[in-house]
């Protein structure tokens, strides 16, 4: 629901029967008993293609960085900096991760171009997980 907050104006508010604050419990009870009028189900706005693409790019970068972190690096950027390392393991891991990064972004941008073409040749996946599933799989650590 939205409430008219005295300081912030109209803001989203989640009323809950188990809220630690009395206001949340009171608003929940009022919504359930009809005191606040007709309560309609929440319908989330449909995100635009641009919003989906931005969310997909953020998720893709998070996947790259979290994979590099799982391999012991600070980020994908950090892992990529080992491309000329004299330590064979670091050099090998850097090569695998940067090759995956390049393939991932190439695929992601192909999908985005297809979705933003005039006319679009495909729709952007409806979930971030579906988008990530279309990208090259996380590589096996050498």
Foldseek 3Di string as FASTA:
>chain_A
DWDQDPVPGTDDDAADCPDPDPVSNVVVVCQVVQVVHDDDDDDDDQDDLVVVLVVLVVVVQVVLQVLVVVVPARGLVRLLVCCVPPPVLSVVQNVLSVVLVVQQVVQSVVQSCQCPPVVRVDHQDRDSVVSVVSGDDDDDRD
